[in-house]
Amino acid sequence: MSEELFYALLVIGGLLLIALLVVAIVLAVRVWKTGKYLQAMGVGGRWVFWGAIIYTIFPIDLLPDPIYLDDVGVLGGALIYLSRLAVKARQSRQAPPQQQHQQPIQRR
């Protein structure tokens, strides 16, 4: 392998790692912003939120830390789940209470 090809691959690999780091940071910020809806999401939402944040910060990962694919996957999955919970919570707050239809009393 020529020296030029080696440096080209090294630069491309470095740029990919930087791009994955940026994506992981953006996803972490979005997950953090959904934290304001935690009260409405219930226990499952809290577990997913804190689990994703702790997994991202914790030094032991499925893949070594320079490779952020696992962090991006965990944060992306948490963001999808939390977004769905937030939409459901928002819809349940905005929905008017269902009125029960009472049947008229029949007189004989």
Foldseek 3Di string as FASTA:
>chain_A
DDPVVVVVVVVVVVVVLVVLVVLLVVLLVLLVVLVVCVVLLPDVLVCLSVVLNCQLPPCDHPDHDSDCPRNSVSSVVSNVVSVVSSVVSVCVVPDDDDDDDDDDDDDD
